[in-house]
PDB file of N, CA and C in Angstrom:
ATOM      1  N   UNK A   1      -8.137 -12.353  -5.419  1.00  0.00           N
ATOM      2  CA  UNK A   1      -7.662 -11.018  -5.729  1.00  0.00           C
ATOM      3  C   UNK A   1      -6.366 -11.142  -6.519  1.00  0.00           C
ATOM      4  N   UNK A   2      -6.232 -10.361  -7.523  1.00  0.00           N
ATOM      5  CA  UNK A   2      -5.028 -10.414  -8.351  1.00  0.00           C
ATOM      6  C   UNK A   2      -3.893  -9.637  -7.689  1.00  0.00           C
ATOM      7  N   UNK A   3      -2.689  -9.854  -8.203  1.00  0.00           N
ATOM      8  CA  UNK A   3      -1.523  -9.175  -7.658  1.00  0.00           C
ATOM      9  C   UNK A   3      -1.231  -7.852  -8.360  1.00  0.00           C
ATOM     10  N   UNK A   4      -2.162  -7.361  -9.179  1.00  0.00           N
ATOM     11  CA  UNK A   4      -1.951  -6.075  -9.836  1.00  0.00           C
ATOM     12  C   UNK A   4      -2.469  -4.966  -8.928  1.00  0.00           C
ATOM     13  N   UNK A   5      -1.720  -3.901  -8.866  1.00  0.00           N
ATOM     14  CA  UNK A   5      -2.103  -2.762  -8.036  1.00  0.00           C
ATOM     15  C   UNK A   5      -2.792  -1.710  -8.884  1.00  0.00           C
ATOM     16  N   UNK A   6      -3.716  -0.954  -8.292  1.00  0.00           N
ATOM     17  CA  UNK A   6      -4.408   0.097  -9.057  1.00  0.00           C
ATOM     18  C   UNK A   6      -3.466   1.234  -9.399  1.00  0.00           C
ATOM     19  N   UNK A   7      -3.869   2.033 -10.383  1.00  0.00           N
ATOM     20  CA  UNK A   7      -3.081   3.190 -10.794  1.00  0.00           C
ATOM     21  C   UNK A   7      -2.977   4.212  -9.675  1.00  0.00           C
ATOM     22  N   UNK A   8      -4.020   4.299  -8.865  1.00  0.00           N
ATOM     23  CA  UNK A   8      -4.055   5.286  -7.789  1.00  0.00           C
ATOM     24  C   UNK A   8      -4.622   4.639  -6.535  1.00  0.00           C
ATOM     25  N   UNK A   9      -3.999   4.898  -5.384  1.00  0.00           N
ATOM     26  CA  UNK A   9      -4.433   4.311  -4.123  1.00  0.00           C
ATOM     27  C   UNK A   9      -4.194   5.310  -2.999  1.00  0.00           C
ATOM     28  N   UNK A  10      -5.130   5.358  -2.039  1.00  0.00           N
ATOM     29  CA  UNK A  10      -5.036   6.278  -0.915  1.00  0.00           C
ATOM     30  C   UNK A  10      -5.263   5.515   0.387  1.00  0.00           C
ATOM     31  N   UNK A  11      -4.638   5.973   1.475  1.00  0.00           N
ATOM     32  CA  UNK A  11      -4.852   5.372   2.785  1.00  0.00           C
ATOM     33  C   UNK A  11      -5.965   6.078   3.563  1.00  0.00           C
ATOM     34  N   UNK A  12      -6.518   7.142   3.011  1.00  0.00           N
ATOM     35  CA  UNK A  12      -7.584   7.908   3.654  1.00  0.00           C
ATOM     36  C   UNK A  12      -8.936   7.261   3.340  1.00  0.00           C
ATOM     37  N   UNK A  13      -9.672   6.786   4.362  1.00  0.00           N
ATOM     38  CA  UNK A  13     -10.967   6.129   4.123  1.00  0.00           C
ATOM     39  C   UNK A  13     -12.015   7.041   3.467  1.00  0.00           C
ATOM     40  N   UNK A  14     -11.822   8.343   3.514  1.00  0.00           N
ATOM     41  CA  UNK A  14     -12.778   9.263   2.887  1.00  0.00           C
ATOM     42  C   UNK A  14     -12.553   9.394   1.384  1.00  0.00           C
ATOM     43  N   UNK A  15     -11.447   8.892   0.877  1.00  0.00           N
ATOM     44  CA  UNK A  15     -11.110   9.015  -0.537  1.00  0.00           C
ATOM     45  C   UNK A  15     -11.792   7.932  -1.365  1.00  0.00           C
ATOM     46  N   UNK A  16     -12.117   8.255  -2.614  1.00  0.00           N
ATOM     47  CA  UNK A  16     -12.706   7.251  -3.501  1.00  0.00           C
ATOM     48  C   UNK A  16     -11.658   6.256  -3.992  1.00  0.00           C
ATOM     49  N   UNK A  17     -10.378   6.527  -3.744  1.00  0.00           N
ATOM     50  CA  UNK A  17      -9.289   5.640  -4.150  1.00  0.00           C
ATOM     51  C   UNK A  17      -8.828   4.735  -3.001  1.00  0.00           C
ATOM     52  N   UNK A  18      -9.596   4.672  -1.924  1.00  0.00           N
ATOM     53  CA  UNK A  18      -9.292   3.848  -0.759  1.00  0.00           C
ATOM     54  C   UNK A  18      -9.726   2.407  -1.019  1.00  0.00           C
ATOM     55  N   UNK A  19      -8.880   1.425  -0.684  1.00  0.00           N
ATOM     56  CA  UNK A  19      -9.212   0.009  -0.839  1.00  0.00           C
ATOM     57  C   UNK A  19      -8.710  -0.731   0.399  1.00  0.00           C
ATOM     58  N   UNK A  20      -9.629  -1.014   1.321  1.00  0.00           N
ATOM     59  CA  UNK A  20      -9.267  -1.599   2.611  1.00  0.00           C
ATOM     60  C   UNK A  20      -8.640  -2.986   2.474  1.00  0.00           C
ATOM     61  N   UNK A  21      -9.187  -3.824   1.605  1.00  0.00           N
ATOM     62  CA  UNK A  21      -8.662  -5.192   1.441  1.00  0.00           C
ATOM     63  C   UNK A  21      -7.231  -5.174   0.917  1.00  0.00           C
ATOM     64  N   UNK A  22      -6.968  -4.309  -0.030  1.00  0.00           N
ATOM     65  CA  UNK A  22      -5.630  -4.214  -0.602  1.00  0.00           C
ATOM     66  C   UNK A  22      -4.634  -3.662   0.418  1.00  0.00           C
ATOM     67  N   UNK A  23      -5.030  -2.664   1.175  1.00  0.00           N
ATOM     68  CA  UNK A  23      -4.146  -2.078   2.177  1.00  0.00           C
ATOM     69  C   UNK A  23      -3.865  -3.053   3.321  1.00  0.00           C
ATOM     70  N   UNK A  24      -4.827  -3.943   3.616  1.00  0.00           N
ATOM     71  CA  UNK A  24      -4.626  -4.935   4.662  1.00  0.00           C
ATOM     72  C   UNK A  24      -3.529  -5.926   4.279  1.00  0.00           C
ATOM     73  N   UNK A  25      -3.366  -6.186   2.991  1.00  0.00           N
ATOM     74  CA  UNK A  25      -2.293  -7.074   2.518  1.00  0.00           C
ATOM     75  C   UNK A  25      -0.935  -6.410   2.631  1.00  0.00           C
ATOM     76  N   UNK A  26      -0.896  -5.103   2.626  1.00  0.00           N
ATOM     77  CA  UNK A  26       0.367  -4.360   2.741  1.00  0.00           C
ATOM     78  C   UNK A  26       0.884  -3.921   1.388  1.00  0.00           C
ATOM     79  N   UNK A  27       0.956  -2.625   1.187  1.00  0.00           N
ATOM     80  CA  UNK A  27       1.461  -2.063  -0.058  1.00  0.00           C
ATOM     81  C   UNK A  27       2.704  -1.241   0.270  1.00  0.00           C
ATOM     82  N   UNK A  28       3.792  -1.533  -0.419  1.00  0.00           N
ATOM     83  CA  UNK A  28       5.025  -0.772  -0.260  1.00  0.00           C
ATOM     84  C   UNK A  28       5.218   0.144  -1.458  1.00  0.00           C
ATOM     85  N   UNK A  29       5.953   1.225  -1.268  1.00  0.00           N
ATOM     86  CA  UNK A  29       6.193   2.194  -2.337  1.00  0.00           C
ATOM     87  C   UNK A  29       7.690   2.452  -2.463  1.00  0.00           C
ATOM     88  N   UNK A  30       8.192   2.322  -3.690  1.00  0.00           N
ATOM     89  CA  UNK A  30       9.536   2.780  -4.025  1.00  0.00           C
ATOM     90  C   UNK A  30       9.358   4.054  -4.842  1.00  0.00           C
ATOM     91  N   UNK A  31       9.936   5.148  -4.375  1.00  0.00           N
ATOM     92  CA  UNK A  31       9.814   6.435  -5.051  1.00  0.00           C
ATOM     93  C   UNK A  31      11.202   6.883  -5.458  1.00  0.00           C
ATOM     94  N   UNK A  32      11.429   7.017  -6.764  1.00  0.00           N
ATOM     95  CA  UNK A  32      12.747   7.360  -7.317  1.00  0.00           C
ATOM     96  C   UNK A  32      13.832   6.411  -6.798  1.00  0.00           C
ATOM     97  N   UNK A  33      13.473   5.127  -6.663  1.00  0.00           N
ATOM     98  CA  UNK A  33      14.424   4.102  -6.251  1.00  0.00           C
ATOM     99  C   UNK A  33      14.607   3.946  -4.754  1.00  0.00           C
ATOM    100  N   UNK A  34      13.994   4.792  -3.937  1.00  0.00           N
ATOM    101  CA  UNK A  34      14.137   4.717  -2.477  1.00  0.00           C
ATOM    102  C   UNK A  34      12.821   4.263  -1.845  1.00  0.00           C
ATOM    103  N   UNK A  35      12.907   3.426  -0.823  1.00  0.00           N
ATOM    104  CA  UNK A  35      11.739   2.942  -0.094  1.00  0.00           C
ATOM    105  C   UNK A  35      11.133   4.087   0.722  1.00  0.00           C
ATOM    106  N   UNK A  36       9.817   4.303   0.589  1.00  0.00           N
ATOM    107  CA  UNK A  36       9.116   5.349   1.350  1.00  0.00           C
ATOM    108  C   UNK A  36       8.080   4.682   2.237  1.00  0.00           C
ATOM    109  N   UNK A  37       8.008   5.088   3.493  1.00  0.00           N
ATOM    110  CA  UNK A  37       7.058   4.495   4.430  1.00  0.00           C
ATOM    111  C   UNK A  37       5.966   5.460   4.860  1.00  0.00           C
ATOM    112  N   UNK A  38       6.054   6.727   4.469  1.00  0.00           N
ATOM    113  CA  UNK A  38       5.072   7.720   4.914  1.00  0.00           C
ATOM    114  C   UNK A  38       4.208   8.230   3.760  1.00  0.00           C
ATOM    115  N   UNK A  39       3.873   7.370   2.818  1.00  0.00           N
ATOM    116  CA  UNK A  39       3.080   7.760   1.650  1.00  0.00           C
ATOM    117  C   UNK A  39       1.596   7.678   2.000  1.00  0.00           C
ATOM    118  N   UNK A  40       0.876   8.763   1.780  1.00  0.00           N
ATOM    119  CA  UNK A  40      -0.563   8.826   2.026  1.00  0.00           C
ATOM    120  C   UNK A  40      -1.366   8.426   0.783  1.00  0.00           C
ATOM    121  N   UNK A  41      -0.844   8.753  -0.400  1.00  0.00           N
ATOM    122  CA  UNK A  41      -1.542   8.479  -1.660  1.00  0.00           C
ATOM    123  C   UNK A  41      -0.508   8.449  -2.774  1.00  0.00           C
ATOM    124  N   UNK A  42      -0.788   7.660  -3.824  1.00  0.00           N
ATOM    125  CA  UNK A  42       0.112   7.652  -4.975  1.00  0.00           C
ATOM    126  C   UNK A  42      -0.687   7.569  -6.261  1.00  0.00           C
ATOM    127  N   UNK A  43      -0.064   7.971  -7.370  1.00  0.00           N
ATOM    128  CA  UNK A  43      -0.633   7.842  -8.704  1.00  0.00           C
ATOM    129  C   UNK A  43       0.519   7.471  -9.640  1.00  0.00           C
ATOM    130  N   UNK A  44       0.432   6.286 -10.237  1.00  0.00           N
ATOM    131  CA  UNK A  44       1.496   5.800 -11.114  1.00  0.00           C
ATOM    132  C   UNK A  44       1.506   6.558 -12.433  1.00  0.00           C
ATOM    133  N   UNK A  45       0.344   6.715 -13.073  1.00  0.00           N
ATOM    134  CA  UNK A  45       0.285   7.320 -14.403  1.00  0.00           C
ATOM    135  C   UNK A  45       0.728   8.790 -14.401  1.00  0.00           C
ATOM    136  N   UNK A  46       0.424   9.519 -13.341  1.00  0.00           N
ATOM    137  CA  UNK A  46       0.824  10.921 -13.262  1.00  0.00           C
ATOM    138  C   UNK A  46       2.184  11.092 -12.604  1.00  0.00           C
ATOM    139  N   UNK A  47       2.732  10.035 -11.976  1.00  0.00           N
ATOM    140  CA  UNK A  47       4.071  10.059 -11.404  1.00  0.00           C
ATOM    141  C   UNK A  47       4.218  10.928 -10.177  1.00  0.00           C
ATOM    142  N   UNK A  48       3.355  10.723  -9.154  1.00  0.00           N
ATOM    143  CA  UNK A  48       3.486  11.501  -7.926  1.00  0.00           C
ATOM    144  C   UNK A  48       3.057  10.676  -6.721  1.00  0.00           C
ATOM    145  N   UNK A  49       3.545  11.114  -5.562  1.00  0.00           N
ATOM    146  CA  UNK A  49       3.076  10.583  -4.286  1.00  0.00           C
ATOM    147  C   UNK A  49       2.708  11.770  -3.407  1.00  0.00           C
ATOM    148  N   UNK A  50       1.813  11.538  -2.490  1.00  0.00           N
ATOM    149  CA  UNK A  50       1.470  12.541  -1.477  1.00  0.00           C
ATOM    150  C   UNK A  50       1.966  11.969  -0.154  1.00  0.00           C
ATOM    151  N   UNK A  51       2.848  12.700   0.503  1.00  0.00           N
ATOM    152  CA  UNK A  51       3.489  12.211   1.715  1.00  0.00           C
ATOM    153  C   UNK A  51       3.302  13.197   2.864  1.00  0.00           C
ATOM    154  N   UNK A  52       3.265  12.667   4.075  1.00  0.00           N
ATOM    155  CA  UNK A  52       3.054  13.532   5.230  1.00  0.00           C
ATOM    156  C   UNK A  52       4.327  14.302   5.570  1.00  0.00           C
ATOM    157  N   UNK A  53       4.129  15.467   6.169  1.00  0.00           N
ATOM    158  CA  UNK A  53       5.234  16.351   6.540  1.00  0.00           C
ATOM    159  C   UNK A  53       5.386  16.271   8.054  1.00  0.00           C
ATOM    160  N   UNK A  54       6.249  15.389   8.527  1.00  0.00           N
ATOM    161  CA  UNK A  54       6.472  15.247   9.956  1.00  0.00           C
ATOM    162  C   UNK A  54       5.202  14.909  10.706  1.00  0.00           C
ATOM    163  N   UNK A  55       5.025  15.525  11.863  1.00  0.00           N
ATOM    164  CA  UNK A  55       3.822  15.297  12.672  1.00  0.00           C
ATOM    165  C   UNK A  55       2.854  16.469  12.594  1.00  0.00           C
ATOM    166  N   UNK A  56       3.066  17.347  11.635  1.00  0.00           N
ATOM    167  CA  UNK A  56       2.241  18.536  11.474  1.00  0.00           C
ATOM    168  C   UNK A  56       0.835  18.154  11.016  1.00  0.00           C
ATOM    169  N   UNK A  57      -0.179  18.784  11.601  1.00  0.00           N
ATOM    170  CA  UNK A  57      -1.575  18.534  11.249  1.00  0.00           C
ATOM    171  C   UNK A  57      -2.195  19.783  10.655  1.00  0.00           C
ATOM    172  N   UNK A  58      -3.171  19.589   9.765  1.00  0.00           N
ATOM    173  CA  UNK A  58      -3.895  20.742   9.230  1.00  0.00           C
ATOM    174  C   UNK A  58      -5.012  21.132  10.205  1.00  0.00           C
ATOM    175  N   UNK A  59      -5.818  22.103   9.850  1.00  0.00           N
ATOM    176  CA  UNK A  59      -6.843  22.603  10.776  1.00  0.00           C
ATOM    177  C   UNK A  59      -7.974  21.609  11.020  1.00  0.00           C
ATOM    178  N   UNK A  60      -8.054  20.546  10.220  1.00  0.00           N
ATOM    179  CA  UNK A  60      -9.072  19.511  10.414  1.00  0.00           C
ATOM    180  C   UNK A  60      -8.518  18.298  11.168  1.00  0.00           C
ATOM    181  N   UNK A  61      -7.245  18.368  11.586  1.00  0.00           N
ATOM    182  CA  UNK A  61      -6.631  17.285  12.335  1.00  0.00           C
ATOM    183  C   UNK A  61      -6.032  16.187  11.471  1.00  0.00           C
ATOM    184  N   UNK A  62      -5.973  16.402  10.164  1.00  0.00           N
ATOM    185  CA  UNK A  62      -5.381  15.441   9.239  1.00  0.00           C
ATOM    186  C   UNK A  62      -3.907  15.783   9.032  1.00  0.00           C
ATOM    187  N   UNK A  63      -3.072  14.780   8.702  1.00  0.00           N
ATOM    188  CA  UNK A  63      -1.651  15.077   8.465  1.00  0.00           C
ATOM    189  C   UNK A  63      -1.473  16.059   7.306  1.00  0.00           C
ATOM    190  N   UNK A  64      -0.567  16.999   7.493  1.00  0.00           N
ATOM    191  CA  UNK A  64      -0.234  17.948   6.437  1.00  0.00           C
ATOM    192  C   UNK A  64       0.615  17.203   5.409  1.00  0.00           C
ATOM    193  N   UNK A  65       0.272  17.317   4.120  1.00  0.00           N
ATOM    194  CA  UNK A  65       0.959  16.549   3.090  1.00  0.00           C
ATOM    195  C   UNK A  65       1.518  17.446   1.992  1.00  0.00           C
ATOM    196  N   UNK A  66       2.519  16.915   1.290  1.00  0.00           N
ATOM    197  CA  UNK A  66       3.060  17.574   0.111  1.00  0.00           C
ATOM    198  C   UNK A  66       3.076  16.559  -1.024  1.00  0.00           C
ATOM    199  N   UNK A  67       3.025  17.052  -2.247  1.00  0.00           N
ATOM    200  CA  UNK A  67       3.045  16.194  -3.428  1.00  0.00           C
ATOM    201  C   UNK A  67       4.447  16.235  -4.025  1.00  0.00           C
ATOM    202  N   UNK A  68       5.028  15.047  -4.221  1.00  0.00           N
ATOM    203  CA  UNK A  68       6.348  14.924  -4.815  1.00  0.00           C
ATOM    204  C   UNK A  68       6.222  14.193  -6.145  1.00  0.00           C
ATOM    205  N   UNK A  69       6.909  14.675  -7.173  1.00  0.00           N
ATOM    206  CA  UNK A  69       6.844  14.064  -8.495  1.00  0.00           C
ATOM    207  C   UNK A  69       8.093  13.245  -8.759  1.00  0.00           C
ATOM    208  N   UNK A  70       7.889  12.099  -9.413  1.00  0.00           N
ATOM    209  CA  UNK A  70       9.000  11.211  -9.735  1.00  0.00           C
ATOM    210  C   UNK A  70       8.480   9.844 -10.153  1.00  0.00           C
ATOM    211  N   UNK A  71       9.354   8.849 -10.157  1.00  0.00           N
ATOM    212  CA  UNK A  71       8.992   7.499 -10.565  1.00  0.00           C
ATOM    213  C   UNK A  71       8.404   6.744  -9.369  1.00  0.00           C
ATOM    214  N   UNK A  72       7.158   6.252  -9.526  1.00  0.00           N
ATOM    215  CA  UNK A  72       6.442   5.558  -8.467  1.00  0.00           C
ATOM    216  C   UNK A  72       6.383   4.069  -8.798  1.00  0.00           C
ATOM    217  N   UNK A  73       6.833   3.222  -7.857  1.00  0.00           N
ATOM    218  CA  UNK A  73       6.810   1.773  -8.042  1.00  0.00           C
ATOM    219  C   UNK A  73       6.150   1.120  -6.829  1.00  0.00           C
ATOM    220  N   UNK A  74       4.838   0.851  -6.882  1.00  0.00           N
ATOM    221  CA  UNK A  74       4.187   0.168  -5.767  1.00  0.00           C
ATOM    222  C   UNK A  74       4.389  -1.345  -5.871  1.00  0.00           C
ATOM    223  N   UNK A  75       4.358  -2.022  -4.730  1.00  0.00           N
ATOM    224  CA  UNK A  75       4.462  -3.482  -4.700  1.00  0.00           C
ATOM    225  C   UNK A  75       3.721  -4.000  -3.475  1.00  0.00           C
ATOM    226  N   UNK A  76       3.345  -5.269  -3.519  1.00  0.00           N
ATOM    227  CA  UNK A  76       2.676  -5.898  -2.388  1.00  0.00           C
ATOM    228  C   UNK A  76       3.715  -6.455  -1.437  1.00  0.00           C
ATOM    229  N   UNK A  77       3.599  -6.128  -0.155  1.00  0.00           N
ATOM    230  CA  UNK A  77       4.529  -6.643   0.849  1.00  0.00           C
ATOM    231  C   UNK A  77       4.217  -8.093   1.179  1.00  0.00           C
ATOM    232  N   UNK A  78       2.940  -8.430   1.264  1.00  0.00           N
ATOM    233  CA  UNK A  78       2.506  -9.777   1.611  1.00  0.00           C
ATOM    234  C   UNK A  78       1.879 -10.411   0.378  1.00  0.00           C
ATOM    235  N   UNK A  79       2.540 -11.387  -0.257  1.00  0.00           N
ATOM    236  CA  UNK A  79       1.955 -12.008  -1.440  1.00  0.00           C
ATOM    237  C   UNK A  79       0.650 -12.718  -1.098  1.00  0.00           C
ATOM    238  N   UNK A  80      -0.158 -12.968  -2.102  1.00  0.00           N
ATOM    239  CA  UNK A  80      -1.456 -13.612  -1.916  1.00  0.00           C
ATOM    240  C   UNK A  80      -1.270 -14.971  -1.265  1.00  0.00           C
ATOM    241  N   UNK A  81      -2.118 -15.314  -0.279  1.00  0.00           N
ATOM    242  CA  UNK A  81      -1.986 -16.620   0.366  1.00  0.00           C
ATOM    243  C   UNK A  81      -2.314 -17.743  -0.616  1.00  0.00           C
ATOM    244  N   UNK A  82      -1.514 -18.783  -0.570  1.00  0.00           N
ATOM    245  CA  UNK A  82      -1.743 -19.936  -1.424  1.00  0.00           C
ATOM    246  C   UNK A  82      -2.121 -21.118  -0.563  1.00  0.00           C
ATOM    247  N   UNK A  83      -2.872 -22.030  -1.106  1.00  0.00           N
ATOM    248  CA  UNK A  83      -3.265 -23.212  -0.362  1.00  0.00           C
ATOM    249  C   UNK A  83      -2.166 -24.251  -0.489  1.00  0.00           C
ATOM    250  N   UNK A  84      -1.619 -24.658   0.634  1.00  0.00           N
ATOM    251  CA  UNK A  84      -0.542 -25.647   0.649  1.00  0.00           C
ATOM    252  C   UNK A  84      -1.136 -27.028   0.870  1.00  0.00           C
ATOM    253  N   UNK A  85      -0.569 -28.056   0.249  1.00  0.00           N
ATOM    254  CA  UNK A  85      -1.078 -29.409   0.473  1.00  0.00           C
ATOM    255  C   UNK A  85      -0.846 -29.827   1.917  1.00  0.00           C
ATOM    256  N   UNK A  86      -1.759 -30.623   2.448  1.00  0.00           N
ATOM    257  CA  UNK A  86      -1.667 -31.075   3.834  1.00  0.00           C
ATOM    258  C   UNK A  86      -0.500 -32.032   4.004  1.00  0.00           C
ATOM    259  N   UNK A  87       0.207 -31.920   5.102  1.00  0.00           N
ATOM    260  CA  UNK A  87       1.339 -32.791   5.398  1.00  0.00           C
ATOM    261  C   UNK A  87       0.897 -33.863   6.388  1.00  0.00           C
ATOM    262  N   UNK A  88       1.331 -35.086   6.193  1.00  0.00           N
ATOM    263  CA  UNK A  88       1.027 -36.171   7.135  1.00  0.00           C
ATOM    264  C   UNK A  88      -0.364 -36.712   6.931  1.00  0.00           C
ATOM    265  N   UNK A  89      -0.782 -37.592   7.836  1.00  0.00           N
ATOM    266  CA  UNK A  89      -2.105 -38.204   7.733  1.00  0.00           C
ATOM    267  C   UNK A  89      -3.054 -37.563   8.736  1.00  0.00           C
ATOM    268  N   UNK A  90      -4.330 -37.750   8.515  1.00  0.00           N
ATOM    269  CA  UNK A  90      -5.350 -37.149   9.375  1.00  0.00           C
ATOM    270  C   UNK A  90      -5.476 -37.875  10.706  1.00  0.00           C
ATOM    271  N   UNK A  91      -5.041 -39.137  10.807  1.00  0.00           N
ATOM    272  CA  UNK A  91      -5.202 -39.910  12.047  1.00  0.00           C
ATOM    273  C   UNK A  91      -4.188 -39.517  13.097  1.00  0.00           C
ATOM    274  N   UNK A  92      -3.151 -38.842  12.740  1.00  0.00           N
ATOM    275  CA  UNK A  92      -2.133 -38.416  13.696  1.00  0.00           C
ATOM    276  C   UNK A  92      -1.041 -39.442  13.872  1.00  0.00           C
ATOM    277  N   UNK A  93      -1.173 -40.638  13.308  1.00  0.00           N
ATOM    278  CA  UNK A  93      -0.147 -41.668  13.426  1.00  0.00           C
ATOM    279  C   UNK A  93       0.960 -41.407  12.399  1.00  0.00           C
ATOM    280  N   UNK A  94       2.204 -41.674  12.764  1.00  0.00           N
ATOM    281  CA  UNK A  94       3.305 -41.447  11.810  1.00  0.00           C
ATOM    282  C   UNK A  94       3.333 -42.411  10.664  1.00  0.00           C
TER     283      UNK A  94
END
């Protein structure tokens, strides 16, 4: 998997922009220079994030969200795993 993030990503499994493998690696969002931890969805090209409003739920039991416009900078929290060379010998002797 490459280290490039999609233009649009959502944490809602019902969305067509949901990507479970990418979210499992951990995606962080900087919005207008500040770290945001409650982002439900983002779009880089249109410059917005959808964020939850406290613990308020809508009538379907989903978090109530608002759309905020500004500069969106997503990044991966956990870089891609790399294969490290084995240390020591296989026999266990020093």
